[in-house]
Amino acid sequence: MSMLKIAQAQINPTVGDLDGNAEKVMDGIRRARDAGAHVVVFPELVICGYPPEDLLLRPRFLEDTRRALQKVAESTRDIVAVVGFADESDGRAYNGAAVIENGHVSGVYHKVELPNYGVFDEKRYFEPGISCRVFEACGHRIAVTICEDIWVEGGTAERFIGMNKVRVVLNLSASPFHADKFDLRRKILGRFAKRTNAFLCYTNLVGGQDELVFDGGSLVIGPDGRLIASAKRFEEYVLITVIETGAGPQAADLSELDELYKALVLGTRDYTRKNGFQKVVIGLSGGVDSSLTAAVAVDALGRDNVIGVTMPSHYTSSETRSDAERLAQNLGIRLITVPIKPVFDSYEETLGGPCGGGDLGVAGENLQARIRGNLLMALSNHFGWLVLSTGNKSEMAVGYCTLYGDMAGGFAVIKDVLKTIVYDLSRYSNEKAGREIIPASVLDRAPTAELRPNQTDQDSLPPYEVLDPILAAYVEQDKAPADIIAQGYDPQVVRDVARMVDRSEYKRRQAPPGVKISPKAFGRDRRLPISNHYRP
């Protein structure tokens, strides 16, 4: 049995770009072969991108995916490539992995365990496989598995590998990021490797796809559960490992804030680029949410591709306006000023008759937000810029946001970031830069929408230090209000928060997509009926 060198090519495909993805795979094969690898493995469904969703219901899409795979196969020489793709057989779709040798597909494995929870809907699209696939390289018997196959303890793949004394297991994965997911993967993979007494080569997707971010971080785990090698996270990378000696690089661990920030940057960059935009525009209020969004956008796209717009009203303080200007200067981005008072005055006059004259109240506050949303969308239409909305998860949860106003936009960068974490990430942004990017006054000032005199968020909401743990329990952990109250929270506050969350579902249904960083995000993860009378 000779030395086995395995390459794991974690690449960033684009859903539906079959030819472009095939070219990326072929480039990965060339790089692996140049490094002397005997086997190169790619992520799950890499040819079509993940998740392809209802594209899989189109027969032509599956045919074109197979043609792209064939193009890869014909170019493959002097190395075994294992490539994820959407397969079709007898009118049924399968989540497949092709074993490619000497210019042709020598075998195909179909994923057995199909996840159907959280963001996963694989039973909607795929039939499960019924058998495992093994091939040989350098005298080693190598088993092919796909993602969920190794997450199910005692599952088909585990039983087969254990009974057949397979020494090396390849796992093609598309495992999306959320906080603490990387540590969870390491534990799951380590336990699988120990139970099967096999080397486990886990190859994960990298890149942003709509709300999802795939963080890479491919791993090699030894039969004792020990980490042998790891790839960098949040970037494309080819990891080379010599299996027998356990020789391979180990990427540095990331802190929680570092991985969250990198996820926001990667998700923003890929959503912007993969949808054909070069520049983005952000309404800068002088507050922490828009400041963090702008900082992330600059790190994702470069300062020349980020435009800030300040839209002062008669309620805008000199402090917040000054902070917006300082932020733009610190980031080195262009800042446009468009006062909204003349437009608001015109709205107020127009609505005076129908609304009976006098103060418009909350409607007048929302009008200001909607004027700003209209102006940003007009700039987007005129210049072809993507509008990044700036609402955070705490606001989205309780409906402290305005439809067609501050919710307007093409992508919501911090949609899944609770307000307290917004502050943490903002401070982290300054620490990372080694200088003040987000002004200290932004971080120290009480948050405010500035839609009426002396307004603060806490006029309408509990303090975020109280609100956010309640939201985490109710939204992310699905705990009933009674269970949250039992943890020591004020009963009336808990009931009020739950009521606000429940009645705001219609708003969230109309919000733009945004980066998922938590175990349960609004949208793909959490899907509740709008017309709903159930109250726990």
Protein backbone atom coordinates (compact mmCIF):
# COMPACT_ATOMS: atom_id res chain seq x y z
CA MET A 1 0.00 0.00 0.00
CA SER A 2 1.65 3.24 -1.15
CA MET A 3 1.44 6.76 0.17
CA LEU A 4 -1.90 8.48 -0.49
CA LYS A 5 -1.98 12.25 -1.00
CA ILE A 6 -5.46 13.81 -1.03
CA ALA A 7 -6.39 17.31 -2.18
CA GLN A 8 -9.58 18.98 -0.93
CA ALA A 9 -10.64 21.84 -3.17
CA GLN A 10 -13.09 24.10 -1.33
CA ILE A 11 -14.27 26.42 -4.08
CA ASN A 12 -16.94 29.10 -4.46
CA PRO A 13 -19.44 28.13 -7.17
CA THR A 14 -22.42 30.18 -8.34
CA VAL A 15 -25.82 28.51 -8.49
CA GLY A 16 -26.76 27.87 -12.11
CA ASP A 17 -23.39 28.90 -13.60
CA LEU A 18 -22.73 25.39 -14.85
CA ASP A 19 -19.93 26.23 -17.27
CA GLY A 20 -18.26 28.63 -14.85
CA ASN A 21 -18.43 26.10 -12.03
CA ALA A 22 -17.02 23.39 -14.31
CA GLU A 23 -14.08 25.66 -15.12
CA LYS A 24 -13.47 26.20 -11.40
CA VAL A 25 -13.50 22.44 -10.85
CA MET A 26 -11.08 21.85 -13.73
CA ASP A 27 -8.75 24.52 -12.35
CA GLY A 28 -8.90 22.79 -8.94
CA ILE A 29 -8.05 19.47 -10.58
CA ARG A 30 -5.03 21.03 -12.29
CA ARG A 31 -3.81 22.58 -9.04
CA ALA A 32 -4.23 19.29 -7.17
CA ARG A 33 -2.42 17.34 -9.88
CA ASP A 34 0.44 19.88 -9.89
CA ALA A 35 0.74 19.37 -6.11
CA GLY A 36 1.19 15.64 -6.64
CA ALA A 37 -2.19 14.59 -5.26
CA HIS A 38 -3.59 11.19 -6.16
CA VAL A 39 -7.21 12.13 -5.36
CA VAL A 40 -8.98 15.50 -5.38
CA VAL A 41 -12.40 15.97 -3.82
CA PHE A 42 -14.81 18.88 -4.27
CA PRO A 43 -17.85 20.09 -2.29
CA GLU A 44 -21.43 18.88 -2.51
CA LEU A 45 -23.35 19.81 -5.71
CA VAL A 46 -20.41 21.93 -6.82
CA ILE A 47 -21.27 21.68 -10.53
CA CYS A 48 -24.70 23.29 -10.13
CA GLY A 49 -24.08 25.23 -6.92
CA TYR A 50 -25.87 24.81 -3.60
CA PRO A 51 -28.78 25.07 -2.99
CA PRO A 52 -30.23 25.04 -6.52
CA GLU A 53 -33.78 24.88 -5.10
CA ASP A 54 -36.54 24.61 -7.73
CA LEU A 55 -34.06 24.62 -10.60
CA LEU A 56 -33.91 20.92 -9.78
CA LEU A 57 -37.51 20.54 -10.92
CA ARG A 58 -36.52 21.49 -14.47
CA PRO A 59 -35.43 18.44 -16.53
CA ARG A 60 -33.29 20.63 -18.78
CA PHE A 61 -31.31 21.85 -15.77
CA LEU A 62 -30.39 18.30 -14.82
CA GLU A 63 -29.42 17.52 -18.42
CA ASP A 64 -27.20 20.60 -18.62
CA THR A 65 -25.62 19.73 -15.26
CA ARG A 66 -24.68 16.29 -16.59
CA ARG A 67 -23.15 17.87 -19.71
CA ALA A 68 -21.03 20.18 -17.54
CA LEU A 69 -19.88 17.17 -15.50
CA GLN A 70 -18.96 15.34 -18.70
CA LYS A 71 -16.84 18.31 -19.73
CA VAL A 72 -14.94 17.98 -16.44
CA ALA A 73 -14.56 14.22 -16.89
CA GLU A 74 -13.09 14.50 -20.38
CA SER A 75 -10.37 16.85 -19.14
CA THR A 76 -9.35 14.71 -16.14
CA ARG A 77 -6.13 12.71 -16.40
CA ASP A 78 -3.57 11.27 -13.96
CA ILE A 79 -5.70 11.90 -10.88
CA VAL A 80 -9.01 10.68 -9.43
CA ALA A 81 -11.57 13.47 -8.98
CA VAL A 82 -14.69 13.19 -6.83
CA VAL A 83 -17.18 15.87 -7.85
CA GLY A 84 -20.60 16.78 -6.48
CA PHE A 85 -23.46 17.21 -8.97
CA ALA A 86 -27.22 16.83 -9.37
CA ASP A 87 -27.85 13.48 -11.06
CA GLU A 88 -30.90 12.15 -12.88
CA SER A 89 -31.83 8.51 -13.28
CA ASP A 90 -35.15 7.05 -14.44
CA GLY A 91 -36.82 10.44 -14.10
CA ARG A 92 -35.66 10.93 -10.51
CA ALA A 93 -33.15 13.45 -9.15
CA TYR A 94 -30.33 12.50 -6.80
CA ASN A 95 -27.74 14.41 -4.83
CA GLY A 96 -24.73 12.75 -6.40
CA ALA A 97 -20.96 12.45 -6.34
CA ALA A 98 -19.14 11.33 -9.47
CA VAL A 99 -15.87 9.41 -9.29
CA ILE A 100 -13.88 10.48 -12.35
CA GLU A 101 -10.85 8.56 -13.66
CA ASN A 102 -8.95 8.74 -16.94
CA GLY A 103 -11.43 10.86 -18.83
CA HIS A 104 -14.69 9.22 -17.79
CA VAL A 105 -17.09 8.82 -14.87
CA SER A 106 -16.28 5.42 -13.38
CA GLY A 107 -19.01 5.49 -10.74
CA VAL A 108 -21.67 7.64 -9.07
CA TYR A 109 -22.70 7.73 -5.42
CA HIS A 110 -26.15 8.97 -4.40
CA LYS A 111 -26.58 10.64 -1.01
CA VAL A 112 -28.48 8.38 1.37
CA GLU A 113 -29.40 10.68 4.26
CA LEU A 114 -31.43 13.67 3.03
CA PRO A 115 -31.76 16.55 5.54
CA ASN A 116 -35.16 18.17 5.78
CA TYR A 117 -34.89 20.68 8.63
CA GLY A 118 -33.82 24.30 9.05
CA VAL A 119 -32.65 25.65 5.70
CA PHE A 120 -32.63 22.19 4.09
CA ASP A 121 -35.43 20.92 1.83
CA GLU A 122 -33.70 17.98 0.17
CA LYS A 123 -36.64 15.59 0.39
CA ARG A 124 -38.56 18.04 -1.79
CA TYR A 125 -36.08 17.51 -4.60
CA PHE A 126 -34.09 14.30 -4.23
CA GLU A 127 -34.61 10.59 -3.93
CA PRO A 128 -32.31 8.92 -1.37
CA GLY A 129 -29.59 6.57 -2.50
CA ILE A 130 -29.62 2.98 -1.32
CA SER A 131 -25.99 1.85 -1.40
CA CYS A 132 -22.47 3.09 -0.70
CA ARG A 133 -19.65 3.64 -3.18
CA VAL A 134 -16.03 2.57 -2.74
CA PHE A 135 -13.10 3.02 -5.11
CA GLU A 136 -9.38 2.29 -4.82
CA ALA A 137 -6.37 4.60 -5.08
CA CYS A 138 -2.77 3.74 -4.17
CA GLY A 139 -3.99 0.49 -2.64
CA HIS A 140 -6.44 2.24 -0.30
CA ARG A 141 -10.16 1.53 -0.23
CA ILE A 142 -11.90 4.91 -0.22
CA ALA A 143 -15.59 5.48 0.54
CA VAL A 144 -17.60 8.41 -0.80
CA THR A 145 -20.20 10.12 1.39
CA ILE A 146 -22.13 13.37 1.14
CA CYS A 147 -22.70 15.80 4.03
CA GLU A 148 -25.61 14.45 6.14
CA ASP A 149 -24.45 10.83 5.61
CA ILE A 150 -21.87 11.25 8.38
CA TRP A 151 -24.08 13.34 10.70
CA VAL A 152 -26.50 10.45 11.32
CA GLU A 153 -25.08 8.21 14.04
CA GLY A 154 -25.46 4.56 13.15
CA GLY A 155 -26.62 5.43 9.63
CA THR A 156 -26.12 3.50 6.39
CA ALA A 157 -22.72 4.99 5.58
CA GLU A 158 -21.35 4.40 9.06
CA ARG A 159 -22.47 0.77 9.13
CA PHE A 160 -21.07 0.07 5.66
CA ILE A 161 -17.69 1.67 6.40
CA GLY A 162 -17.36 -0.15 9.70
CA MET A 163 -18.27 -3.58 8.27
CA ASN A 164 -16.04 -3.24 5.19
CA LYS A 165 -13.01 -1.87 7.03
CA VAL A 166 -12.75 1.19 4.79
CA ARG A 167 -9.70 3.20 5.84
CA VAL A 168 -10.40 6.55 4.13
CA VAL A 169 -13.75 8.35 3.90
CA LEU A 170 -14.36 11.35 1.65
CA ASN A 171 -17.24 13.63 2.57
CA LEU A 172 -18.52 16.22 0.10
CA SER A 173 -20.35 18.91 2.02
CA ALA A 174 -22.33 22.14 1.70
CA SER A 175 -22.69 23.03 5.36
CA PRO A 176 -23.83 26.64 5.87
CA PHE A 177 -22.32 28.80 8.56
CA HIS A 178 -23.86 29.99 11.77
CA ALA A 179 -22.27 30.92 15.09
CA ASP A 180 -20.65 27.90 16.79
CA LYS A 181 -21.22 25.68 13.71
CA PHE A 182 -17.50 25.05 13.13
CA ASP A 183 -16.99 23.61 16.62
CA LEU A 184 -20.11 21.49 16.19
CA ARG A 185 -18.77 20.08 12.92
CA ARG A 186 -15.45 19.16 14.50
CA LYS A 187 -17.20 17.23 17.24
CA ILE A 188 -19.54 15.40 14.83
CA LEU A 189 -16.70 14.53 12.44
CA GLY A 190 -14.40 13.43 15.24
CA ARG A 191 -16.99 11.05 16.65
CA PHE A 192 -17.69 9.58 13.19
CA ALA A 193 -13.98 9.00 12.53
CA LYS A 194 -13.53 7.24 15.88
CA ARG A 195 -16.62 5.05 15.45
CA THR A 196 -15.50 3.93 11.97
CA ASN A 197 -11.74 3.87 12.72
CA ALA A 198 -11.17 5.74 9.45
CA PHE A 199 -9.46 8.86 8.17
CA LEU A 200 -12.21 11.37 7.34
CA CYS A 201 -11.61 14.04 4.68
CA TYR A 202 -14.41 16.59 4.95
CA THR A 203 -14.59 19.09 2.07
CA ASN A 204 -16.93 22.03 2.55
CA LEU A 205 -18.29 24.63 0.18
CA VAL A 206 -17.24 28.28 0.53
CA GLY A 207 -19.07 31.45 -0.54
CA GLY A 208 -22.33 33.32 -0.22
CA GLN A 209 -25.60 32.18 -1.79
CA ASP A 210 -28.52 34.53 -1.08
CA GLU A 211 -29.03 34.33 2.72
CA LEU A 212 -26.59 31.46 3.24
CA VAL A 213 -22.85 31.72 3.77
CA PHE A 214 -20.62 28.66 3.45
CA ASP A 215 -17.43 29.07 5.43
CA GLY A 216 -15.21 26.34 4.01
CA GLY A 217 -12.97 25.16 6.81
CA SER A 218 -12.42 21.74 5.24
CA LEU A 219 -10.96 19.19 7.67
CA VAL A 220 -9.01 15.95 7.87
CA ILE A 221 -9.71 13.91 11.01
CA GLY A 222 -7.70 10.85 12.05
CA PRO A 223 -9.18 7.50 13.21
CA ASP A 224 -8.60 8.61 16.80
CA GLY A 225 -10.77 11.70 16.28
CA ARG A 226 -7.74 13.97 16.23
CA LEU A 227 -7.58 16.96 13.87
CA ILE A 228 -4.84 16.36 11.29
CA ALA A 229 -5.33 19.25 8.87
CA SER A 230 -7.70 22.17 8.27
CA ALA A 231 -8.26 24.67 5.49
CA LYS A 232 -8.73 28.40 5.82
CA ARG A 233 -12.25 29.62 6.35
CA PHE A 234 -14.31 32.08 4.29
CA GLU A 235 -12.00 31.81 1.29
CA GLU A 236 -11.20 29.39 -1.52
CA TYR A 237 -8.43 26.96 -0.63
CA VAL A 238 -6.88 23.67 -1.73
CA LEU A 239 -5.89 21.56 1.29
CA ILE A 240 -3.21 18.90 0.64
CA THR A 241 -2.79 16.05 3.13
CA VAL A 242 -0.62 12.93 3.16
CA ILE A 243 -2.94 10.43 4.83
CA GLU A 244 -0.45 7.92 6.30
CA THR A 245 1.81 10.49 7.92
CA GLY A 246 -0.99 12.82 8.96
CA ALA A 247 0.95 15.67 7.35
CA GLY A 248 -1.16 18.68 6.51
CA PRO A 249 -1.54 22.36 7.44
CA GLN A 250 -3.83 23.58 10.18
CA ALA A 251 -5.51 26.96 9.75
CA ALA A 252 -5.64 29.32 12.72
CA ASP A 253 -8.82 29.28 14.80
CA LEU A 254 -11.11 32.30 14.55
CA SER A 255 -12.75 34.13 17.43
CA GLU A 256 -16.56 34.33 17.49
CA LEU A 257 -16.58 37.98 16.40
CA ASP A 258 -13.98 37.32 13.72
CA GLU A 259 -16.03 34.55 12.12
CA LEU A 260 -19.27 36.56 12.34
CA TYR A 261 -17.64 39.55 10.69
CA LYS A 262 -16.05 37.44 7.96
CA ALA A 263 -19.43 35.82 7.28
CA LEU A 264 -21.05 39.23 6.81
CA VAL A 265 -18.25 40.35 4.50
CA LEU A 266 -18.32 37.20 2.36
CA GLY A 267 -22.12 37.14 2.18
CA THR A 268 -22.25 40.79 1.11
CA ARG A 269 -19.47 40.43 -1.46
CA ASP A 270 -20.94 37.35 -3.11
CA TYR A 271 -24.54 38.57 -3.14
CA THR A 272 -23.42 41.81 -4.77
CA ARG A 273 -21.07 40.29 -7.33
CA LYS A 274 -23.14 37.20 -8.18
CA ASN A 275 -26.12 39.42 -8.93
CA GLY A 276 -24.18 41.65 -11.30
CA PHE A 277 -23.65 44.76 -9.15
CA GLN A 278 -20.38 46.64 -8.81
CA LYS A 279 -21.39 49.38 -6.36
CA VAL A 280 -23.68 49.63 -3.35
CA VAL A 281 -25.43 52.58 -1.71
CA ILE A 282 -26.25 52.93 1.98
CA GLY A 283 -28.33 55.46 3.88
CA LEU A 284 -26.04 56.77 6.63
CA SER A 285 -27.96 58.03 9.65
CA GLY A 286 -25.05 58.48 11.99
CA GLY A 287 -26.26 55.45 13.94
CA VAL A 288 -24.53 52.19 14.72
CA ASP A 289 -26.49 49.97 12.29
CA SER A 290 -25.72 51.96 9.15
CA SER A 291 -22.14 52.48 10.36
CA LEU A 292 -21.50 48.75 10.73
CA THR A 293 -23.20 48.04 7.39
CA ALA A 294 -20.93 50.56 5.68
CA ALA A 295 -17.80 49.14 7.32
CA VAL A 296 -18.72 45.61 6.21
CA ALA A 297 -19.47 46.84 2.67
CA VAL A 298 -16.08 48.54 2.37
CA ASP A 299 -14.28 45.40 3.52
CA ALA A 300 -16.36 43.35 1.07
CA LEU A 301 -16.20 45.56 -2.01
CA GLY A 302 -13.60 48.28 -1.52
CA ARG A 303 -14.20 51.91 -0.64
CA ASP A 304 -14.56 53.04 -4.25
CA ASN A 305 -17.62 50.80 -4.62
CA VAL A 306 -19.54 52.08 -1.58
CA ILE A 307 -21.59 55.28 -1.60
CA GLY A 308 -23.13 56.79 1.51
CA VAL A 309 -26.19 59.02 1.49
CA THR A 310 -27.16 61.23 4.41
CA MET A 311 -30.75 62.44 4.33
CA PRO A 312 -31.25 64.90 7.19
CA SER A 313 -34.70 65.99 8.34
CA HIS A 314 -35.76 68.75 10.74
CA TYR A 315 -35.30 66.17 13.55
CA THR A 316 -31.74 65.20 12.60
CA SER A 317 -29.28 66.35 15.25
CA SER A 318 -25.98 67.98 14.43
CA GLU A 319 -24.28 65.12 16.30
CA THR A 320 -25.66 62.31 14.14
CA ARG A 321 -25.08 64.26 10.94
CA SER A 322 -21.50 64.93 12.00
CA ASP A 323 -21.01 61.24 12.83
CA ALA A 324 -22.22 60.19 9.37
CA GLU A 325 -19.71 62.57 7.82
CA ARG A 326 -16.90 61.32 10.07
CA LEU A 327 -17.73 57.71 9.27
CA ALA A 328 -17.62 58.40 5.52
CA GLN A 329 -14.29 60.17 5.97
CA ASN A 330 -12.86 57.33 8.08
CA LEU A 331 -13.93 54.78 5.47
CA GLY A 332 -12.84 56.93 2.54
CA ILE A 333 -16.21 56.62 0.78
CA ARG A 334 -18.20 59.17 -1.21
CA LEU A 335 -20.99 60.88 0.75
CA ILE A 336 -24.06 62.44 -0.86
CA THR A 337 -26.34 64.78 1.11
CA VAL A 338 -30.05 64.92 0.21
CA PRO A 339 -32.22 66.86 2.71
CA ILE A 340 -35.74 65.43 3.01
CA LYS A 341 -37.55 68.36 4.69
CA PRO A 342 -38.87 69.88 1.42
CA VAL A 343 -40.24 66.50 0.33
CA PHE A 344 -41.77 65.84 3.75
CA ASP A 345 -43.41 69.27 3.80
CA SER A 346 -44.95 68.51 0.42
CA TYR A 347 -46.29 65.16 1.68
CA GLU A 348 -47.69 66.84 4.79
CA GLU A 349 -49.49 69.45 2.73
CA THR A 350 -50.86 66.85 0.34
CA LEU A 351 -52.15 64.66 3.18
CA GLY A 352 -53.50 67.56 5.20
CA GLY A 353 -56.96 67.30 3.68
CA PRO A 354 -57.48 63.53 3.72
CA CYS A 355 -55.96 63.19 7.19
CA GLY A 356 -57.86 66.15 8.69
CA GLY A 357 -54.83 68.42 9.17
CA GLY A 358 -52.62 68.64 12.23
CA ASP A 359 -49.82 66.36 13.37
CA LEU A 360 -49.60 63.12 11.38
CA GLY A 361 -48.15 61.25 14.38
CA VAL A 362 -46.70 57.81 13.67
CA ALA A 363 -47.76 58.12 10.03
CA GLY A 364 -45.56 61.21 9.79
CA GLU A 365 -42.63 59.34 11.34
CA ASN A 366 -43.03 56.53 8.83
CA LEU A 367 -43.30 59.03 5.97
CA GLN A 368 -39.78 60.23 6.75
CA ALA A 369 -38.46 56.68 6.57
CA ARG A 370 -40.35 56.06 3.33
CA ILE A 371 -39.04 59.24 1.73
CA ARG A 372 -35.52 58.07 2.49
CA GLY A 373 -36.28 54.63 1.08
CA ASN A 374 -37.67 56.21 -2.10
CA LEU A 375 -34.60 58.38 -2.55
CA LEU A 376 -32.22 55.43 -2.12
CA MET A 377 -34.19 53.35 -4.62
CA ALA A 378 -34.21 56.26 -7.08
CA LEU A 379 -30.41 56.47 -6.87
CA SER A 380 -30.26 52.72 -7.31
CA ASN A 381 -32.43 52.89 -10.45
CA HIS A 382 -30.47 55.78 -11.90
CA PHE A 383 -26.92 54.58 -11.25
CA GLY A 384 -27.39 50.80 -11.04
CA TRP A 385 -26.28 50.65 -7.41
CA LEU A 386 -27.49 47.95 -5.02
CA VAL A 387 -29.22 49.38 -1.94
CA LEU A 388 -28.01 47.81 1.30
CA SER A 389 -30.66 48.15 4.00
CA THR A 390 -29.44 48.54 7.55
CA GLY A 391 -32.05 47.00 9.88
CA ASN A 392 -30.87 44.57 12.56
CA LYS A 393 -32.50 41.37 13.85
CA SER A 394 -33.84 42.96 17.03
CA GLU A 395 -35.76 45.56 15.03
CA MET A 396 -36.94 43.05 12.44
CA ALA A 397 -38.14 40.72 15.18
CA VAL A 398 -40.43 43.20 16.92
CA GLY A 399 -41.43 45.19 13.83
CA TYR A 400 -39.53 48.34 14.84
CA CYS A 401 -39.01 49.16 11.18
CA THR A 402 -40.97 50.76 8.35
CA LEU A 403 -42.24 48.90 5.30
CA TYR A 404 -41.04 50.63 2.12
CA GLY A 405 -38.88 52.83 4.33
CA ASP A 406 -35.79 51.66 6.20
CA MET A 407 -36.71 48.12 5.05
CA ALA A 408 -36.33 49.15 1.39
CA GLY A 409 -33.33 47.65 -0.37
CA GLY A 410 -31.86 44.72 -2.23
CA PHE A 411 -29.83 43.11 0.55
CA ALA A 412 -30.03 43.39 4.34
CA VAL A 413 -26.47 42.90 5.62
CA ILE A 414 -27.19 42.75 9.38
CA LYS A 415 -30.71 41.31 9.19
CA ASP A 416 -29.71 38.35 11.39
CA VAL A 417 -27.57 40.33 13.87
CA LEU A 418 -29.09 41.22 17.24
CA LYS A 419 -28.54 44.82 18.33
CA THR A 420 -26.18 43.96 21.16
CA ILE A 421 -24.02 42.01 18.71
CA VAL A 422 -24.12 44.98 16.30
CA TYR A 423 -22.32 46.96 19.00
CA ASP A 424 -19.83 44.14 19.59
CA LEU A 425 -19.06 43.85 15.86
CA SER A 426 -18.71 47.62 15.54
CA ARG A 427 -16.10 47.70 18.29
CA TYR A 428 -14.42 44.70 16.68
CA SER A 429 -14.29 46.59 13.35
CA ASN A 430 -12.35 49.38 15.03
CA GLU A 431 -10.03 46.93 16.79
CA LYS A 432 -9.39 45.06 13.56
CA ALA A 433 -8.52 48.27 11.73
CA GLY A 434 -6.30 49.49 14.58
CA ARG A 435 -8.00 52.88 14.43
CA GLU A 436 -11.39 54.53 14.81
CA ILE A 437 -13.59 53.59 11.87
CA ILE A 438 -16.94 53.87 13.61
CA PRO A 439 -16.85 57.02 15.78
CA ALA A 440 -16.91 56.48 19.54
CA SER A 441 -19.86 58.86 19.80
CA VAL A 442 -21.90 56.46 17.65
CA LEU A 443 -21.18 53.64 20.07
CA ASP A 444 -21.85 55.73 23.17
CA ARG A 445 -25.06 57.48 22.11
CA ALA A 446 -28.49 55.99 22.91
CA PRO A 447 -29.89 54.48 19.67
CA THR A 448 -32.55 56.60 18.00
CA ALA A 449 -34.49 56.70 14.73
CA GLU A 450 -34.73 60.54 14.99
CA LEU A 451 -38.25 60.64 13.57
CA ARG A 452 -39.59 62.90 16.32
CA PRO A 453 -38.01 65.24 18.92
CA ASN A 454 -35.78 63.55 21.54
CA GLN A 455 -36.75 60.07 20.38
CA THR A 456 -34.86 56.96 21.51
CA ASP A 457 -35.48 53.29 20.74
CA GLN A 458 -36.16 52.63 24.41
CA ASP A 459 -39.27 54.81 24.22
CA SER A 460 -40.90 51.88 22.39
CA LEU A 461 -38.78 48.86 23.31
CA PRO A 462 -37.16 47.30 26.36
CA PRO A 463 -33.42 47.97 26.67
CA TYR A 464 -31.60 45.83 24.11
CA GLU A 465 -29.71 44.08 26.91
CA VAL A 466 -33.11 42.77 28.04
CA LEU A 467 -34.78 42.45 24.65
CA ASP A 468 -32.09 40.44 22.86
CA PRO A 469 -31.93 37.44 25.27
CA ILE A 470 -35.74 37.23 25.14
CA LEU A 471 -35.64 37.27 21.34
CA ALA A 472 -32.91 34.64 21.27
CA ALA A 473 -35.06 32.38 23.45
CA TYR A 474 -38.36 33.00 21.64
CA VAL A 475 -37.15 33.18 18.03
CA GLU A 476 -34.00 31.05 17.88
CA GLN A 477 -34.77 28.46 20.59
CA ASP A 478 -38.59 28.30 20.12
CA LYS A 479 -39.20 28.65 23.84
CA ALA A 480 -42.71 29.53 25.01
CA PRO A 481 -43.20 32.81 26.91
CA ALA A 482 -43.90 30.86 30.12
CA ASP A 483 -40.51 29.15 29.84
CA ILE A 484 -38.77 32.49 29.29
CA ILE A 485 -40.57 34.05 32.25
CA ALA A 486 -39.37 31.09 34.36
CA GLN A 487 -35.80 32.20 33.60
CA GLY A 488 -36.44 35.37 35.59
CA TYR A 489 -37.61 37.87 32.98
CA ASP A 490 -40.45 40.29 33.67
CA PRO A 491 -43.69 38.53 32.66
CA GLN A 492 -45.29 41.57 31.02
CA VAL A 493 -42.14 42.39 29.06
CA VAL A 494 -41.91 38.82 27.77
CA ARG A 495 -45.56 38.76 26.73
CA ASP A 496 -45.25 42.14 25.02
CA VAL A 497 -42.15 41.04 23.11
CA ALA A 498 -43.77 37.78 21.98
CA ARG A 499 -46.84 39.70 20.80
CA MET A 500 -44.68 42.15 18.81
CA VAL A 501 -42.77 39.30 17.20
CA ASP A 502 -45.92 37.43 16.22
CA ARG A 503 -47.76 40.40 14.73
CA SER A 504 -44.76 41.50 12.64
CA GLU A 505 -44.55 38.38 10.48
CA TYR A 506 -46.13 40.23 7.53
CA LYS A 507 -43.34 42.81 7.58
CA ARG A 508 -40.58 40.24 7.61
CA ARG A 509 -42.17 38.42 4.67
CA GLN A 510 -41.56 41.59 2.61
CA ALA A 511 -37.99 42.22 3.75
CA PRO A 512 -34.95 41.76 1.50
CA PRO A 513 -32.72 38.72 2.02
CA GLY A 514 -29.79 39.03 4.37
CA VAL A 515 -26.82 37.08 5.71
CA LYS A 516 -27.68 34.18 8.04
CA ILE A 517 -25.33 34.03 11.05
CA SER A 518 -27.54 32.52 13.78
CA PRO A 519 -28.86 28.98 14.21
CA LYS A 520 -32.35 30.24 13.26
CA ALA A 521 -32.73 33.25 10.98
CA PHE A 522 -35.91 34.87 9.71
CA GLY A 523 -36.76 33.68 6.21
CA ARG A 524 -35.39 30.27 5.21
CA ASP A 525 -35.15 29.01 8.80
CA ARG A 526 -38.25 30.38 10.48
CA ARG A 527 -41.43 30.15 8.42
CA LEU A 528 -44.67 30.96 10.19
CA PRO A 529 -48.11 31.81 8.79
CA ILE A 530 -49.04 35.49 8.63
CA SER A 531 -52.70 34.83 9.38
CA ASN A 532 -52.20 33.02 12.67
CA HIS A 533 -54.23 33.06 15.86
CA TYR A 534 -52.05 30.68 17.88
CA ARG A 535 -50.43 32.35 20.89
CA PRO A 536 -48.28 30.16 23.16
